[in-house]
Amino acid sequence: MIKHYILNLNPTAKHEWDRCILRDPLTAKRPDFSRLIAEAVGADTGSYLISINIEVQVLEQAAVPQAEQLSLSFPEVAVPTQMREAA
């Protein structure tokens, strides 16, 4: 059984549960591995000693957008200063 998921890693996330997120690419739901394993084993009642082999292949990596620094150029404006004369 081959399944595809989207892995999002963010080591600077505020909450620990947001640092590593695995989601289904079509539904965006988090995978229920117990249900997937139960489907692979079958519907017979009982306890099973199972072996699970996990092989990870990176199919595509989306680039993380870099924070852009905008340089704003302001033209120099001469502001005339007027002096008040004391009356």
N, C-alpha and C. Protein backbone atom coordinates (compact mmCIF):
# COMPACT_ATOMS: atom_id res chain seq x y z
N MET A 1 0.85 -1.17 0.00
CA MET A 1 0.00 0.00 0.00
C MET A 1 0.90 1.24 0.00
N ILE A 2 0.72 2.09 -0.99
CA ILE A 2 1.49 3.34 -1.06
C ILE A 2 0.53 4.50 -0.84
N LYS A 3 0.86 5.35 0.10
CA LYS A 3 0.07 6.54 0.41
C LYS A 3 0.95 7.76 0.24
N HIS A 4 0.36 8.87 -0.16
CA HIS A 4 1.10 10.12 -0.31
C HIS A 4 0.57 11.13 0.69
N TYR A 5 1.49 11.88 1.30
CA TYR A 5 1.14 12.89 2.29
C TYR A 5 1.98 14.13 2.06
N ILE A 6 1.51 15.25 2.59
CA ILE A 6 2.28 16.49 2.57
C ILE A 6 2.83 16.69 3.97
N LEU A 7 4.15 16.85 4.07
CA LEU A 7 4.83 17.08 5.34
C LEU A 7 5.21 18.54 5.42
N ASN A 8 4.80 19.21 6.49
CA ASN A 8 5.14 20.62 6.70
C ASN A 8 5.97 20.71 7.97
N LEU A 9 7.23 21.15 7.83
CA LEU A 9 8.13 21.31 8.97
C LEU A 9 8.33 22.79 9.24
N ASN A 10 8.11 23.19 10.49
CA ASN A 10 8.30 24.58 10.89
C ASN A 10 8.89 24.58 12.30
N PRO A 11 10.23 24.49 12.43
CA PRO A 11 10.85 24.40 13.76
C PRO A 11 10.66 25.65 14.62
N THR A 12 10.25 26.76 14.02
CA THR A 12 10.06 27.99 14.80
C THR A 12 8.59 28.25 15.12
N ALA A 13 7.71 27.26 14.90
CA ALA A 13 6.29 27.44 15.20
C ALA A 13 6.09 27.68 16.69
N LYS A 14 5.06 28.45 17.02
CA LYS A 14 4.79 28.80 18.41
C LYS A 14 4.45 27.56 19.25
N HIS A 15 3.64 26.65 18.69
CA HIS A 15 3.21 25.46 19.42
C HIS A 15 3.93 24.23 18.89
N GLU A 16 4.24 23.29 19.78
CA GLU A 16 4.98 22.09 19.40
C GLU A 16 4.23 21.28 18.34
N TRP A 17 2.89 21.20 18.43
CA TRP A 17 2.12 20.39 17.49
C TRP A 17 2.07 21.01 16.09
N ASP A 18 2.50 22.25 15.93
CA ASP A 18 2.55 22.88 14.61
C ASP A 18 3.93 22.78 13.97
N ARG A 19 4.90 22.17 14.65
CA ARG A 19 6.27 22.09 14.12
C ARG A 19 6.43 21.00 13.08
N CYS A 20 5.65 19.94 13.16
CA CYS A 20 5.73 18.83 12.21
C CYS A 20 4.30 18.37 11.92
N ILE A 21 3.80 18.66 10.72
CA ILE A 21 2.41 18.34 10.38
C ILE A 21 2.41 17.46 9.13
N LEU A 22 1.69 16.33 9.22
CA LEU A 22 1.53 15.41 8.10
C LEU A 22 0.06 15.44 7.70
N ARG A 23 -0.22 15.70 6.41
CA ARG A 23 -1.61 15.83 5.95
C ARG A 23 -1.82 15.10 4.63
N ASP A 24 -3.07 14.66 4.43
CA ASP A 24 -3.48 14.06 3.17
C ASP A 24 -3.56 15.18 2.13
N PRO A 25 -2.98 15.01 0.92
CA PRO A 25 -2.97 16.10 -0.06
C PRO A 25 -4.35 16.43 -0.63
N LEU A 26 -5.31 15.51 -0.57
CA LEU A 26 -6.63 15.77 -1.13
C LEU A 26 -7.61 16.33 -0.10
N THR A 27 -7.57 15.80 1.13
CA THR A 27 -8.54 16.22 2.14
C THR A 27 -7.96 17.17 3.18
N ALA A 28 -6.64 17.28 3.26
CA ALA A 28 -5.91 18.09 4.25
C ALA A 28 -6.11 17.57 5.67
N LYS A 29 -6.65 16.35 5.82
CA LYS A 29 -6.81 15.75 7.15
C LYS A 29 -5.52 15.05 7.55
N ARG A 30 -5.31 14.94 8.86
CA ARG A 30 -4.16 14.20 9.36
C ARG A 30 -4.45 12.71 9.24
N PRO A 31 -3.46 11.91 8.83
CA PRO A 31 -3.71 10.49 8.60
C PRO A 31 -3.98 9.73 9.91
N ASP A 32 -4.88 8.76 9.84
CA ASP A 32 -5.18 7.88 10.96
C ASP A 32 -4.47 6.56 10.68
N PHE A 33 -3.23 6.43 11.19
CA PHE A 33 -2.43 5.26 10.88
C PHE A 33 -3.02 3.97 11.44
N SER A 34 -3.70 4.03 12.59
CA SER A 34 -4.33 2.83 13.15
C SER A 34 -5.37 2.28 12.19
N ARG A 35 -6.18 3.15 11.59
CA ARG A 35 -7.21 2.71 10.65
C ARG A 35 -6.58 2.14 9.39
N LEU A 36 -5.51 2.79 8.89
CA LEU A 36 -4.84 2.30 7.69
C LEU A 36 -4.24 0.91 7.91
N ILE A 37 -3.64 0.70 9.09
CA ILE A 37 -3.05 -0.61 9.41
C ILE A 37 -4.15 -1.65 9.57
N ALA A 38 -5.27 -1.29 10.21
CA ALA A 38 -6.39 -2.22 10.38
C ALA A 38 -6.94 -2.64 9.02
N GLU A 39 -7.01 -1.72 8.06
CA GLU A 39 -7.48 -2.06 6.72
C GLU A 39 -6.52 -3.04 6.04
N ALA A 40 -5.22 -2.87 6.27
CA ALA A 40 -4.23 -3.75 5.65
C ALA A 40 -4.26 -5.14 6.27
N VAL A 41 -4.54 -5.23 7.60
CA VAL A 41 -4.56 -6.52 8.29
C VAL A 41 -5.82 -7.30 7.95
N GLY A 42 -6.95 -6.63 7.88
CA GLY A 42 -8.21 -7.30 7.59
C GLY A 42 -9.21 -7.04 8.70
N ALA A 43 -10.39 -7.64 8.58
CA ALA A 43 -11.48 -7.35 9.51
C ALA A 43 -11.62 -8.39 10.62
N ASP A 44 -10.75 -9.39 10.69
CA ASP A 44 -10.87 -10.44 11.70
C ASP A 44 -10.50 -9.90 13.08
N THR A 45 -11.33 -10.22 14.08
CA THR A 45 -11.08 -9.81 15.45
C THR A 45 -9.86 -10.54 15.98
N GLY A 46 -9.02 -9.85 16.77
CA GLY A 46 -7.86 -10.50 17.36
C GLY A 46 -6.74 -9.51 17.60
N SER A 47 -5.69 -10.00 18.21
CA SER A 47 -4.48 -9.21 18.44
C SER A 47 -3.43 -9.67 17.45
N TYR A 48 -2.69 -8.73 16.91
CA TYR A 48 -1.72 -9.04 15.87
C TYR A 48 -0.36 -8.47 16.23
N LEU A 49 0.68 -9.24 16.00
CA LEU A 49 2.04 -8.73 16.04
C LEU A 49 2.36 -8.36 14.60
N ILE A 50 2.61 -7.08 14.35
CA ILE A 50 2.81 -6.63 12.98
C ILE A 50 4.18 -5.98 12.83
N SER A 51 4.64 -5.93 11.61
CA SER A 51 5.87 -5.23 11.26
C SER A 51 5.48 -4.14 10.27
N ILE A 52 6.00 -2.94 10.49
CA ILE A 52 5.69 -1.81 9.61
C ILE A 52 6.99 -1.30 9.03
N ASN A 53 7.03 -1.17 7.71
CA ASN A 53 8.20 -0.65 7.03
C ASN A 53 7.85 0.73 6.48
N ILE A 54 8.56 1.75 6.91
CA ILE A 54 8.30 3.11 6.43
C ILE A 54 9.45 3.52 5.52
N GLU A 55 9.12 3.84 4.29
CA GLU A 55 10.10 4.33 3.32
C GLU A 55 9.66 5.72 2.89
N VAL A 56 10.54 6.69 3.03
CA VAL A 56 10.19 8.07 2.71
C VAL A 56 10.98 8.51 1.48
N GLN A 57 10.27 9.02 0.48
CA GLN A 57 10.88 9.59 -0.71
C GLN A 57 10.34 11.00 -0.87
N VAL A 58 11.22 11.98 -0.97
CA VAL A 58 10.78 13.36 -1.21
C VAL A 58 10.50 13.49 -2.70
N LEU A 59 9.24 13.73 -3.05
CA LEU A 59 8.85 13.84 -4.45
C LEU A 59 8.97 15.27 -4.97
N GLU A 60 8.74 16.24 -4.09
CA GLU A 60 8.83 17.64 -4.48
C GLU A 60 8.99 18.46 -3.21
N GLN A 61 9.77 19.53 -3.28
CA GLN A 61 9.93 20.42 -2.13
C GLN A 61 9.55 21.82 -2.56
N ALA A 62 8.59 22.39 -1.84
CA ALA A 62 8.17 23.76 -2.13
C ALA A 62 9.11 24.71 -1.41
N ALA A 63 9.55 25.74 -2.11
CA ALA A 63 10.45 26.72 -1.52
C ALA A 63 9.71 27.56 -0.50
N VAL A 64 10.37 27.85 0.60
CA VAL A 64 9.80 28.71 1.63
C VAL A 64 10.04 30.14 1.20
N PRO A 65 8.99 30.96 1.14
CA PRO A 65 9.19 32.35 0.73
C PRO A 65 10.06 33.09 1.73
N GLN A 66 11.08 33.75 1.22
CA GLN A 66 11.97 34.53 2.06
C GLN A 66 11.32 35.86 2.39
N ALA A 67 11.58 36.35 3.58
CA ALA A 67 11.06 37.67 3.95
C ALA A 67 11.76 38.71 3.08
N GLU A 68 10.97 39.45 2.36
CA GLU A 68 11.54 40.45 1.47
C GLU A 68 11.74 41.76 2.20
N GLN A 69 12.86 42.39 1.92
CA GLN A 69 13.11 43.71 2.47
C GLN A 69 12.87 44.70 1.35
N LEU A 70 11.95 45.59 1.59
CA LEU A 70 11.65 46.60 0.60
C LEU A 70 12.48 47.84 0.88
N SER A 71 13.11 48.35 -0.16
CA SER A 71 13.86 49.59 0.02
C SER A 71 13.01 50.71 -0.56
N LEU A 72 12.65 51.62 0.28
CA LEU A 72 11.85 52.75 -0.14
C LEU A 72 12.76 53.96 -0.30
N SER A 73 12.66 54.58 -1.45
CA SER A 73 13.48 55.78 -1.67
C SER A 73 12.58 57.00 -1.59
N PHE A 74 12.94 57.89 -0.71
CA PHE A 74 12.19 59.12 -0.54
C PHE A 74 13.00 60.26 -1.15
N PRO A 75 12.39 61.05 -2.03
CA PRO A 75 13.13 62.18 -2.59
C PRO A 75 13.37 63.23 -1.51
N GLU A 76 14.52 63.87 -1.60
CA GLU A 76 14.82 64.91 -0.62
C GLU A 76 13.97 66.13 -0.91
N VAL A 77 13.36 66.65 0.13
CA VAL A 77 12.49 67.82 -0.01
C VAL A 77 13.05 68.92 0.87
N ALA A 78 13.25 70.10 0.27
CA ALA A 78 13.74 71.24 1.05
C ALA A 78 12.54 71.89 1.73
N VAL A 79 12.59 71.95 3.04
CA VAL A 79 11.50 72.56 3.80
C VAL A 79 11.99 73.91 4.30
N PRO A 80 11.38 75.00 3.80
CA PRO A 80 11.82 76.33 4.24
C PRO A 80 11.43 76.57 5.69
N THR A 81 12.35 77.10 6.44
CA THR A 81 12.06 77.43 7.83
C THR A 81 11.84 78.93 7.92
N GLN A 82 10.79 79.30 8.54
CA GLN A 82 10.49 80.72 8.70
C GLN A 82 10.74 81.11 10.15
N MET A 83 11.42 82.19 10.30
CA MET A 83 11.70 82.67 11.65
C MET A 83 10.72 83.78 11.98
N ARG A 84 10.18 83.72 13.14
CA ARG A 84 9.28 84.78 13.58
C ARG A 84 10.09 85.90 14.22
N GLU A 85 9.68 87.07 13.92
CA GLU A 85 10.34 88.21 14.55
C GLU A 85 9.56 88.57 15.80
N ALA A 86 10.27 88.86 16.82
CA ALA A 86 9.61 89.26 18.07
C ALA A 86 9.07 90.68 17.90
N ALA A 87 7.86 90.90 18.28
CA ALA A 87 7.26 92.21 18.09
C ALA A 87 7.50 93.11 19.27
